[in-house]
Amino acid sequence: MTATHDPGPEREALMESLRDQRAHVLRAVEGLPEADLRRSVLPSGWTPLGLVRHLTWDVERFWFRVVVAGERLPMPTDEEVWQVPGSVTADDVVQAYRAAAALGDEVVAAAALDARPARWALEAFPGTPDRALRATVLHVVTETAAHAGHLDVVRELLDGHQHLVVTDGDQA
């Protein structure tokens, strides 16, 4: 990841959207006590920390470093991602997410927006789409935004905090 491509308006718009959604994820978990970050309030059983680890491993690390950059990184099982060991602190999980996002930004900056995935990744992970980097960034923005919304709901269930409050004056 040595060369950096000219940012251009398309790349800047994509990356600004991604940065906004990443920040939304971090705001959703910020200030929650460790116990709440490890607590599931939904029937599916996931926790806020598990979801942030999913975004770290299965989204940022997988899509940018493995698929786009072609790094042959070991990938954990779903259980290893979603189940956060007690020895791993909330701060560890958040810092790992920040680090994965920074490395993802480096990958995006170093590749052309029409760059295709690493061939070996397409073969190693069947079902991985053979698409341009711009489409992969858009996928990551969409997935991050969806999970930020999931975290908003869980946060409201845990402590009543609301990310977006609709009042009578806001309704059309």
N, C-alpha and C. Protein backbone atom coordinates (compact mmCIF):
# COMPACT_ATOMS: atom_id res chain seq x y z
N MET A 1 0.82 -1.18 0.00
CA MET A 1 0.00 0.00 0.00
C MET A 1 0.87 1.24 0.00
N THR A 2 1.58 1.44 -1.09
CA THR A 2 2.49 2.59 -1.15
C THR A 2 1.89 3.75 -1.90
N ALA A 3 1.36 3.49 -3.08
CA ALA A 3 0.82 4.59 -3.89
C ALA A 3 -0.51 5.05 -3.32
N THR A 4 -0.74 6.34 -3.39
CA THR A 4 -2.02 6.90 -2.98
C THR A 4 -2.66 7.53 -4.21
N HIS A 5 -3.89 7.13 -4.48
CA HIS A 5 -4.60 7.67 -5.63
C HIS A 5 -5.18 9.02 -5.29
N ASP A 6 -5.29 9.86 -6.33
CA ASP A 6 -5.89 11.18 -6.17
C ASP A 6 -7.28 10.98 -5.57
N PRO A 7 -7.58 11.72 -4.50
CA PRO A 7 -8.86 11.48 -3.84
C PRO A 7 -10.06 11.65 -4.77
N GLY A 8 -10.15 12.74 -5.46
CA GLY A 8 -11.28 12.96 -6.36
C GLY A 8 -12.60 13.01 -5.61
N PRO A 9 -13.61 13.61 -6.20
CA PRO A 9 -14.89 13.80 -5.51
C PRO A 9 -15.61 12.48 -5.20
N GLU A 10 -15.51 11.49 -6.08
CA GLU A 10 -16.21 10.22 -5.83
C GLU A 10 -15.60 9.50 -4.63
N ARG A 11 -14.29 9.38 -4.62
CA ARG A 11 -13.61 8.71 -3.50
C ARG A 11 -13.87 9.48 -2.20
N GLU A 12 -13.79 10.79 -2.26
CA GLU A 12 -14.02 11.60 -1.06
C GLU A 12 -15.44 11.41 -0.54
N ALA A 13 -16.43 11.36 -1.43
CA ALA A 13 -17.83 11.17 -1.00
C ALA A 13 -18.01 9.79 -0.37
N LEU A 14 -17.44 8.77 -0.99
CA LEU A 14 -17.54 7.42 -0.43
C LEU A 14 -16.90 7.35 0.95
N MET A 15 -15.70 7.89 1.06
CA MET A 15 -14.97 7.80 2.32
C MET A 15 -15.60 8.67 3.41
N GLU A 16 -16.15 9.81 3.04
CA GLU A 16 -16.84 10.64 4.03
C GLU A 16 -18.06 9.90 4.58
N SER A 17 -18.80 9.23 3.70
CA SER A 17 -19.95 8.45 4.15
C SER A 17 -19.51 7.31 5.06
N LEU A 18 -18.43 6.64 4.71
CA LEU A 18 -17.93 5.55 5.54
C LEU A 18 -17.45 6.06 6.90
N ARG A 19 -16.71 7.16 6.90
CA ARG A 19 -16.25 7.74 8.17
C ARG A 19 -17.43 8.14 9.05
N ASP A 20 -18.48 8.70 8.46
CA ASP A 20 -19.66 9.10 9.22
C ASP A 20 -20.32 7.87 9.88
N GLN A 21 -20.43 6.79 9.13
CA GLN A 21 -21.08 5.59 9.69
C GLN A 21 -20.20 4.93 10.76
N ARG A 22 -18.90 4.93 10.55
CA ARG A 22 -18.00 4.40 11.59
C ARG A 22 -18.14 5.21 12.87
N ALA A 23 -18.20 6.53 12.74
CA ALA A 23 -18.35 7.40 13.91
C ALA A 23 -19.68 7.13 14.60
N HIS A 24 -20.71 6.87 13.82
CA HIS A 24 -22.03 6.55 14.38
C HIS A 24 -21.94 5.28 15.23
N VAL A 25 -21.26 4.27 14.73
CA VAL A 25 -21.06 3.02 15.48
C VAL A 25 -20.39 3.33 16.82
N LEU A 26 -19.32 4.11 16.77
CA LEU A 26 -18.57 4.42 18.00
C LEU A 26 -19.41 5.23 18.98
N ARG A 27 -20.20 6.18 18.47
CA ARG A 27 -21.08 6.96 19.35
C ARG A 27 -22.14 6.06 20.01
N ALA A 28 -22.60 5.06 19.29
CA ALA A 28 -23.64 4.18 19.82
C ALA A 28 -23.16 3.37 21.02
N VAL A 29 -21.88 3.06 21.07
CA VAL A 29 -21.37 2.26 22.19
C VAL A 29 -20.65 3.11 23.24
N GLU A 30 -20.35 4.35 22.89
CA GLU A 30 -19.62 5.23 23.80
C GLU A 30 -20.42 5.49 25.08
N GLY A 31 -19.76 5.34 26.20
CA GLY A 31 -20.39 5.64 27.48
C GLY A 31 -21.18 4.51 28.10
N LEU A 32 -21.37 3.42 27.35
CA LEU A 32 -22.06 2.27 27.95
C LEU A 32 -21.10 1.55 28.91
N PRO A 33 -21.58 1.13 30.05
CA PRO A 33 -20.73 0.36 30.96
C PRO A 33 -20.33 -0.98 30.32
N GLU A 34 -19.20 -1.49 30.73
CA GLU A 34 -18.69 -2.77 30.20
C GLU A 34 -19.75 -3.87 30.27
N ALA A 35 -20.46 -3.94 31.37
CA ALA A 35 -21.48 -4.99 31.52
C ALA A 35 -22.56 -4.88 30.45
N ASP A 36 -23.00 -3.67 30.12
CA ASP A 36 -24.01 -3.49 29.08
C ASP A 36 -23.45 -3.80 27.69
N LEU A 37 -22.19 -3.49 27.49
CA LEU A 37 -21.56 -3.79 26.19
C LEU A 37 -21.48 -5.29 25.94
N ARG A 38 -21.50 -6.07 27.01
CA ARG A 38 -21.41 -7.53 26.92
C ARG A 38 -22.77 -8.21 27.06
N ARG A 39 -23.81 -7.42 27.20
CA ARG A 39 -25.15 -7.94 27.44
C ARG A 39 -25.97 -7.97 26.16
N SER A 40 -26.67 -9.06 25.95
CA SER A 40 -27.58 -9.15 24.81
C SER A 40 -28.99 -8.82 25.28
N VAL A 41 -29.68 -8.02 24.48
CA VAL A 41 -31.08 -7.70 24.79
C VAL A 41 -32.01 -8.15 23.66
N LEU A 42 -31.47 -8.88 22.72
CA LEU A 42 -32.26 -9.36 21.59
C LEU A 42 -32.25 -10.89 21.55
N PRO A 43 -33.29 -11.50 21.01
CA PRO A 43 -33.34 -12.97 20.96
C PRO A 43 -32.17 -13.61 20.19
N SER A 44 -31.60 -12.89 19.23
CA SER A 44 -30.49 -13.46 18.45
C SER A 44 -29.24 -13.65 19.29
N GLY A 45 -29.13 -12.93 20.41
CA GLY A 45 -28.04 -13.15 21.34
C GLY A 45 -26.78 -12.32 21.14
N TRP A 46 -26.72 -11.49 20.11
CA TRP A 46 -25.49 -10.72 19.93
C TRP A 46 -25.42 -9.57 20.93
N THR A 47 -24.20 -9.15 21.20
CA THR A 47 -23.94 -8.05 22.14
C THR A 47 -23.36 -6.87 21.37
N PRO A 48 -23.41 -5.67 21.95
CA PRO A 48 -22.79 -4.54 21.27
C PRO A 48 -21.30 -4.78 20.97
N LEU A 49 -20.56 -5.35 21.91
CA LEU A 49 -19.14 -5.63 21.64
C LEU A 49 -18.98 -6.66 20.53
N GLY A 50 -19.83 -7.67 20.52
CA GLY A 50 -19.77 -8.66 19.45
C GLY A 50 -20.02 -8.04 18.09
N LEU A 51 -20.95 -7.10 18.03
CA LEU A 51 -21.24 -6.44 16.76
C LEU A 51 -20.06 -5.57 16.31
N VAL A 52 -19.42 -4.88 17.23
CA VAL A 52 -18.25 -4.07 16.86
C VAL A 52 -17.13 -5.00 16.38
N ARG A 53 -16.95 -6.14 17.02
CA ARG A 53 -15.94 -7.11 16.54
C ARG A 53 -16.31 -7.64 15.16
N HIS A 54 -17.59 -7.87 14.91
CA HIS A 54 -18.02 -8.28 13.57
C HIS A 54 -17.63 -7.23 12.54
N LEU A 55 -17.88 -5.97 12.85
CA LEU A 55 -17.50 -4.90 11.93
C LEU A 55 -15.98 -4.85 11.73
N THR A 56 -15.23 -5.15 12.76
CA THR A 56 -13.77 -5.14 12.67
C THR A 56 -13.28 -6.26 11.77
N TRP A 57 -13.70 -7.49 12.07
CA TRP A 57 -13.17 -8.66 11.39
C TRP A 57 -13.87 -8.96 10.05
N ASP A 58 -15.18 -9.06 10.10
CA ASP A 58 -15.93 -9.52 8.92
C ASP A 58 -16.22 -8.42 7.92
N VAL A 59 -16.07 -7.18 8.32
CA VAL A 59 -16.37 -6.07 7.41
C VAL A 59 -15.07 -5.35 7.04
N GLU A 60 -14.50 -4.60 7.95
CA GLU A 60 -13.29 -3.82 7.63
C GLU A 60 -12.12 -4.71 7.19
N ARG A 61 -11.78 -5.65 8.03
CA ARG A 61 -10.60 -6.49 7.74
C ARG A 61 -10.84 -7.37 6.52
N PHE A 62 -11.97 -8.04 6.47
CA PHE A 62 -12.24 -8.95 5.36
C PHE A 62 -12.32 -8.21 4.03
N TRP A 63 -13.21 -7.22 3.94
CA TRP A 63 -13.44 -6.59 2.64
C TRP A 63 -12.24 -5.79 2.14
N PHE A 64 -11.60 -5.03 3.01
CA PHE A 64 -10.51 -4.18 2.54
C PHE A 64 -9.17 -4.90 2.49
N ARG A 65 -8.80 -5.55 3.55
CA ARG A 65 -7.46 -6.15 3.58
C ARG A 65 -7.39 -7.48 2.85
N VAL A 66 -8.39 -8.33 3.05
CA VAL A 66 -8.35 -9.65 2.41
C VAL A 66 -8.80 -9.57 0.96
N VAL A 67 -10.00 -9.06 0.73
CA VAL A 67 -10.56 -9.08 -0.62
C VAL A 67 -9.88 -8.05 -1.54
N VAL A 68 -9.78 -6.82 -1.11
CA VAL A 68 -9.23 -5.77 -1.98
C VAL A 68 -7.71 -5.83 -2.04
N ALA A 69 -7.06 -5.81 -0.88
CA ALA A 69 -5.59 -5.77 -0.87
C ALA A 69 -4.96 -7.14 -1.10
N GLY A 70 -5.72 -8.20 -0.92
CA GLY A 70 -5.20 -9.53 -1.18
C GLY A 70 -4.31 -10.09 -0.07
N GLU A 71 -4.42 -9.52 1.13
CA GLU A 71 -3.62 -10.04 2.25
C GLU A 71 -4.19 -11.39 2.68
N ARG A 72 -3.32 -12.34 2.88
CA ARG A 72 -3.75 -13.67 3.30
C ARG A 72 -3.75 -13.72 4.83
N LEU A 73 -4.80 -13.15 5.40
CA LEU A 73 -4.92 -13.06 6.85
C LEU A 73 -5.79 -14.20 7.35
N PRO A 74 -5.47 -14.72 8.53
CA PRO A 74 -6.35 -15.73 9.10
C PRO A 74 -7.68 -15.08 9.48
N MET A 75 -8.74 -15.77 9.19
CA MET A 75 -10.07 -15.25 9.53
C MET A 75 -10.67 -16.12 10.63
N PRO A 76 -11.19 -15.49 11.67
CA PRO A 76 -11.78 -16.24 12.77
C PRO A 76 -13.12 -16.84 12.38
N THR A 77 -13.58 -17.77 13.20
CA THR A 77 -14.91 -18.33 13.00
C THR A 77 -15.94 -17.31 13.47
N ASP A 78 -17.20 -17.53 13.10
CA ASP A 78 -18.27 -16.64 13.56
C ASP A 78 -18.30 -16.58 15.09
N GLU A 79 -18.16 -17.73 15.73
CA GLU A 79 -18.20 -17.75 17.19
C GLU A 79 -17.05 -16.93 17.78
N GLU A 80 -15.87 -17.02 17.19
CA GLU A 80 -14.72 -16.25 17.68
C GLU A 80 -14.95 -14.74 17.51
N VAL A 81 -15.66 -14.37 16.48
CA VAL A 81 -15.94 -12.94 16.25
C VAL A 81 -16.99 -12.43 17.24
N TRP A 82 -18.10 -13.12 17.30
CA TRP A 82 -19.26 -12.61 18.04
C TRP A 82 -19.18 -12.81 19.55
N GLN A 83 -18.40 -13.80 20.01
CA GLN A 83 -18.26 -14.06 21.44
C GLN A 83 -16.97 -13.42 21.93
N VAL A 84 -17.08 -12.33 22.68
CA VAL A 84 -15.91 -11.59 23.14
C VAL A 84 -15.45 -12.17 24.47
N PRO A 85 -14.22 -12.73 24.50
CA PRO A 85 -13.73 -13.30 25.76
C PRO A 85 -13.62 -12.24 26.85
N GLY A 86 -13.76 -12.66 28.10
CA GLY A 86 -13.65 -11.75 29.22
C GLY A 86 -12.30 -11.08 29.32
N SER A 87 -11.27 -11.73 28.75
CA SER A 87 -9.92 -11.15 28.79
C SER A 87 -9.75 -10.00 27.80
N VAL A 88 -10.71 -9.83 26.91
CA VAL A 88 -10.68 -8.74 25.92
C VAL A 88 -11.60 -7.63 26.44
N THR A 89 -11.03 -6.46 26.68
CA THR A 89 -11.82 -5.36 27.23
C THR A 89 -12.60 -4.63 26.12
N ALA A 90 -13.57 -3.85 26.55
CA ALA A 90 -14.32 -3.03 25.60
C ALA A 90 -13.38 -2.08 24.87
N ASP A 91 -12.43 -1.51 25.60
CA ASP A 91 -11.47 -0.61 24.97
C ASP A 91 -10.65 -1.35 23.91
N ASP A 92 -10.28 -2.60 24.19
CA ASP A 92 -9.55 -3.41 23.21
C ASP A 92 -10.36 -3.55 21.93
N VAL A 93 -11.65 -3.82 22.08
CA VAL A 93 -12.54 -4.02 20.92
C VAL A 93 -12.67 -2.73 20.13
N VAL A 94 -12.88 -1.63 20.81
CA VAL A 94 -13.04 -0.33 20.14
C VAL A 94 -11.74 0.07 19.44
N GLN A 95 -10.62 -0.11 20.11
CA GLN A 95 -9.32 0.25 19.49
C GLN A 95 -9.02 -0.64 18.29
N ALA A 96 -9.37 -1.91 18.36
CA ALA A 96 -9.18 -2.80 17.21
C ALA A 96 -10.03 -2.34 16.03
N TYR A 97 -11.25 -1.87 16.31
CA TYR A 97 -12.12 -1.36 15.24
C TYR A 97 -11.52 -0.10 14.62
N ARG A 98 -11.04 0.80 15.45
CA ARG A 98 -10.40 2.02 14.94
C ARG A 98 -9.18 1.68 14.08
N ALA A 99 -8.38 0.73 14.54
CA ALA A 99 -7.18 0.33 13.80
C ALA A 99 -7.55 -0.33 12.46
N ALA A 100 -8.56 -1.20 12.48
CA ALA A 100 -9.00 -1.85 11.24
C ALA A 100 -9.53 -0.82 10.26
N ALA A 101 -10.26 0.18 10.76
CA ALA A 101 -10.78 1.25 9.89
C ALA A 101 -9.64 2.04 9.28
N ALA A 102 -8.62 2.36 10.07
CA ALA A 102 -7.47 3.12 9.55
C ALA A 102 -6.75 2.33 8.48
N LEU A 103 -6.57 1.03 8.69
CA LEU A 103 -5.92 0.20 7.68
C LEU A 103 -6.81 0.09 6.43
N GLY A 104 -8.11 0.01 6.63
CA GLY A 104 -9.03 0.00 5.49
C GLY A 104 -8.92 1.27 4.67
N ASP A 105 -8.80 2.40 5.35
CA ASP A 105 -8.63 3.68 4.65
C ASP A 105 -7.35 3.67 3.80
N GLU A 106 -6.28 3.09 4.34
CA GLU A 106 -5.02 3.00 3.59
C GLU A 106 -5.19 2.15 2.33
N VAL A 107 -5.92 1.05 2.46
CA VAL A 107 -6.16 0.18 1.29
C VAL A 107 -6.93 0.94 0.23
N VAL A 108 -7.99 1.63 0.64
CA VAL A 108 -8.81 2.37 -0.31
C VAL A 108 -8.00 3.48 -0.97
N ALA A 109 -7.16 4.17 -0.20
CA ALA A 109 -6.34 5.25 -0.76
C ALA A 109 -5.32 4.73 -1.76
N ALA A 110 -4.87 3.49 -1.58
CA ALA A 110 -3.81 2.94 -2.42
C ALA A 110 -4.32 2.28 -3.70
N ALA A 111 -5.60 2.07 -3.81
CA ALA A 111 -6.15 1.33 -4.95
C ALA A 111 -7.03 2.23 -5.81
N ALA A 112 -7.09 1.92 -7.08
CA ALA A 112 -8.00 2.61 -8.00
C ALA A 112 -9.43 2.20 -7.67
N LEU A 113 -10.38 3.09 -7.85
CA LEU A 113 -11.77 2.78 -7.54
C LEU A 113 -12.34 1.68 -8.44
N ASP A 114 -11.72 1.44 -9.58
CA ASP A 114 -12.19 0.34 -10.43
C ASP A 114 -11.36 -0.93 -10.24
N ALA A 115 -10.49 -0.96 -9.23
CA ALA A 115 -9.68 -2.16 -8.95
C ALA A 115 -10.59 -3.32 -8.58
N ARG A 116 -10.21 -4.51 -9.05
CA ARG A 116 -10.97 -5.73 -8.79
C ARG A 116 -10.37 -6.45 -7.59
N PRO A 117 -11.14 -7.36 -6.98
CA PRO A 117 -10.64 -8.11 -5.83
C PRO A 117 -9.44 -9.00 -6.19
N ALA A 118 -8.70 -9.37 -5.16
CA ALA A 118 -7.61 -10.32 -5.33
C ALA A 118 -8.21 -11.65 -5.78
N ARG A 119 -7.63 -12.24 -6.82
CA ARG A 119 -8.16 -13.49 -7.39
C ARG A 119 -8.23 -14.59 -6.34
N TRP A 120 -7.17 -14.73 -5.52
CA TRP A 120 -7.16 -15.81 -4.54
C TRP A 120 -8.31 -15.67 -3.54
N ALA A 121 -8.68 -14.42 -3.19
CA ALA A 121 -9.77 -14.21 -2.24
C ALA A 121 -11.10 -14.66 -2.83
N LEU A 122 -11.29 -14.43 -4.12
CA LEU A 122 -12.52 -14.88 -4.78
C LEU A 122 -12.61 -16.40 -4.77
N GLU A 123 -11.47 -17.04 -4.93
CA GLU A 123 -11.44 -18.51 -4.93
C GLU A 123 -11.56 -19.07 -3.51
N ALA A 124 -10.92 -18.42 -2.53
CA ALA A 124 -10.91 -18.91 -1.16
C ALA A 124 -12.25 -18.69 -0.45
N PHE A 125 -12.97 -17.67 -0.86
CA PHE A 125 -14.24 -17.33 -0.22
C PHE A 125 -15.35 -17.31 -1.27
N PRO A 126 -15.88 -18.50 -1.61
CA PRO A 126 -16.92 -18.59 -2.63
C PRO A 126 -18.10 -17.67 -2.30
N GLY A 127 -18.62 -17.05 -3.33
CA GLY A 127 -19.73 -16.12 -3.15
C GLY A 127 -19.28 -14.67 -3.00
N THR A 128 -17.96 -14.46 -2.85
CA THR A 128 -17.46 -13.09 -2.78
C THR A 128 -17.62 -12.46 -4.16
N PRO A 129 -18.30 -11.33 -4.25
CA PRO A 129 -18.53 -10.73 -5.57
C PRO A 129 -17.26 -10.18 -6.20
N ASP A 130 -17.15 -10.38 -7.49
CA ASP A 130 -16.04 -9.82 -8.27
C ASP A 130 -16.50 -8.44 -8.75
N ARG A 131 -16.25 -7.44 -7.91
CA ARG A 131 -16.74 -6.10 -8.19
C ARG A 131 -15.64 -5.08 -7.97
N ALA A 132 -15.85 -3.90 -8.50
CA ALA A 132 -14.88 -2.81 -8.36
C ALA A 132 -14.81 -2.34 -6.91
N LEU A 133 -13.68 -1.74 -6.55
CA LEU A 133 -13.49 -1.21 -5.20
C LEU A 133 -14.61 -0.27 -4.81
N ARG A 134 -15.06 0.60 -5.72
CA ARG A 134 -16.12 1.55 -5.38
C ARG A 134 -17.36 0.82 -4.88
N ALA A 135 -17.69 -0.32 -5.49
CA ALA A 135 -18.85 -1.10 -5.05
C ALA A 135 -18.59 -1.75 -3.70
N THR A 136 -17.36 -2.17 -3.46
CA THR A 136 -17.02 -2.75 -2.17
C THR A 136 -17.11 -1.69 -1.07
N VAL A 137 -16.61 -0.48 -1.34
CA VAL A 137 -16.73 0.59 -0.34
C VAL A 137 -18.20 0.89 -0.07
N LEU A 138 -19.00 0.94 -1.11
CA LEU A 138 -20.44 1.19 -0.92
C LEU A 138 -21.07 0.08 -0.09
N HIS A 139 -20.67 -1.17 -0.31
CA HIS A 139 -21.16 -2.29 0.48
C HIS A 139 -20.79 -2.10 1.96
N VAL A 140 -19.55 -1.71 2.22
CA VAL A 140 -19.10 -1.52 3.60
C VAL A 140 -19.85 -0.35 4.25
N VAL A 141 -20.08 0.73 3.51
CA VAL A 141 -20.88 1.85 4.03
C VAL A 141 -22.27 1.35 4.42
N THR A 142 -22.90 0.60 3.54
CA THR A 142 -24.26 0.11 3.77
C THR A 142 -24.31 -0.83 4.97
N GLU A 143 -23.37 -1.77 5.05
CA GLU A 143 -23.36 -2.71 6.17
C GLU A 143 -23.08 -1.99 7.49
N THR A 144 -22.15 -1.06 7.47
CA THR A 144 -21.82 -0.31 8.68
C THR A 144 -23.01 0.53 9.13
N ALA A 145 -23.70 1.16 8.18
CA ALA A 145 -24.88 1.96 8.51
C ALA A 145 -25.99 1.09 9.10
N ALA A 146 -26.22 -0.08 8.51
CA ALA A 146 -27.25 -0.97 9.04
C ALA A 146 -26.93 -1.37 10.47
N HIS A 147 -25.67 -1.73 10.71
CA HIS A 147 -25.28 -2.15 12.06
C HIS A 147 -25.28 -0.98 13.04
N ALA A 148 -25.00 0.22 12.57
CA ALA A 148 -25.10 1.40 13.44
C ALA A 148 -26.54 1.56 13.91
N GLY A 149 -27.49 1.33 13.02
CA GLY A 149 -28.90 1.38 13.40
C GLY A 149 -29.26 0.29 14.39
N HIS A 150 -28.71 -0.91 14.19
CA HIS A 150 -28.95 -1.98 15.16
C HIS A 150 -28.44 -1.57 16.53
N LEU A 151 -27.25 -0.97 16.56
CA LEU A 151 -26.67 -0.52 17.83
C LEU A 151 -27.51 0.58 18.47
N ASP A 152 -28.11 1.45 17.66
CA ASP A 152 -29.00 2.49 18.20
C ASP A 152 -30.17 1.87 18.95
N VAL A 153 -30.78 0.85 18.36
CA VAL A 153 -31.92 0.20 18.99
C VAL A 153 -31.50 -0.47 20.29
N VAL A 154 -30.38 -1.19 20.25
CA VAL A 154 -29.90 -1.87 21.45
C VAL A 154 -29.54 -0.86 22.52
N ARG A 155 -28.93 0.23 22.13
CA ARG A 155 -28.57 1.27 23.10
C ARG A 155 -29.83 1.82 23.77
N GLU A 156 -30.87 2.07 23.01
CA GLU A 156 -32.10 2.58 23.59
C GLU A 156 -32.71 1.57 24.56
N LEU A 157 -32.64 0.29 24.22
CA LEU A 157 -33.15 -0.75 25.10
C LEU A 157 -32.32 -0.86 26.39
N LEU A 158 -31.02 -0.63 26.27
CA LEU A 158 -30.14 -0.75 27.44
C LEU A 158 -30.26 0.42 28.41
N ASP A 159 -30.20 1.64 27.88
CA ASP A 159 -30.17 2.79 28.80
C ASP A 159 -31.08 3.95 28.43
N GLY A 160 -31.91 3.76 27.41
CA GLY A 160 -32.85 4.80 27.03
C GLY A 160 -32.28 5.88 26.11
N HIS A 161 -30.97 5.85 25.85
CA HIS A 161 -30.36 6.86 24.98
C HIS A 161 -30.90 6.72 23.57
N GLN A 162 -31.29 7.85 22.97
CA GLN A 162 -31.81 7.85 21.61
C GLN A 162 -30.89 8.66 20.71
N HIS A 163 -30.48 8.05 19.62
CA HIS A 163 -29.63 8.74 18.64
C HIS A 163 -30.42 9.80 17.89
N LEU A 164 -31.62 9.45 17.48
CA LEU A 164 -32.46 10.35 16.71
C LEU A 164 -33.82 10.40 17.39
N VAL A 165 -34.22 11.57 17.79
CA VAL A 165 -35.49 11.73 18.49
C VAL A 165 -36.44 12.48 17.57
N VAL A 166 -37.57 11.87 17.28
CA VAL A 166 -38.58 12.50 16.45
C VAL A 166 -39.60 13.14 17.39
N THR A 167 -39.85 14.44 17.19
CA THR A 167 -40.85 15.15 17.99
C THR A 167 -42.00 15.55 17.09
N ASP A 168 -43.06 16.02 17.67
CA ASP A 168 -44.24 16.44 16.89
C ASP A 168 -43.86 17.49 15.85
N GLY A 169 -42.96 18.39 16.19
CA GLY A 169 -42.54 19.44 15.28
C GLY A 169 -41.72 18.92 14.11
N ASP A 170 -41.15 17.71 14.24
CA ASP A 170 -40.31 17.13 13.18
C ASP A 170 -41.12 16.37 12.16
N GLN A 171 -42.36 16.04 12.47
CA GLN A 171 -43.16 15.21 11.58
C GLN A 171 -43.82 16.07 10.52
N ALA A 172 -43.90 15.54 9.32
CA ALA A 172 -44.51 16.28 8.20
C ALA A 172 -46.01 16.13 8.20
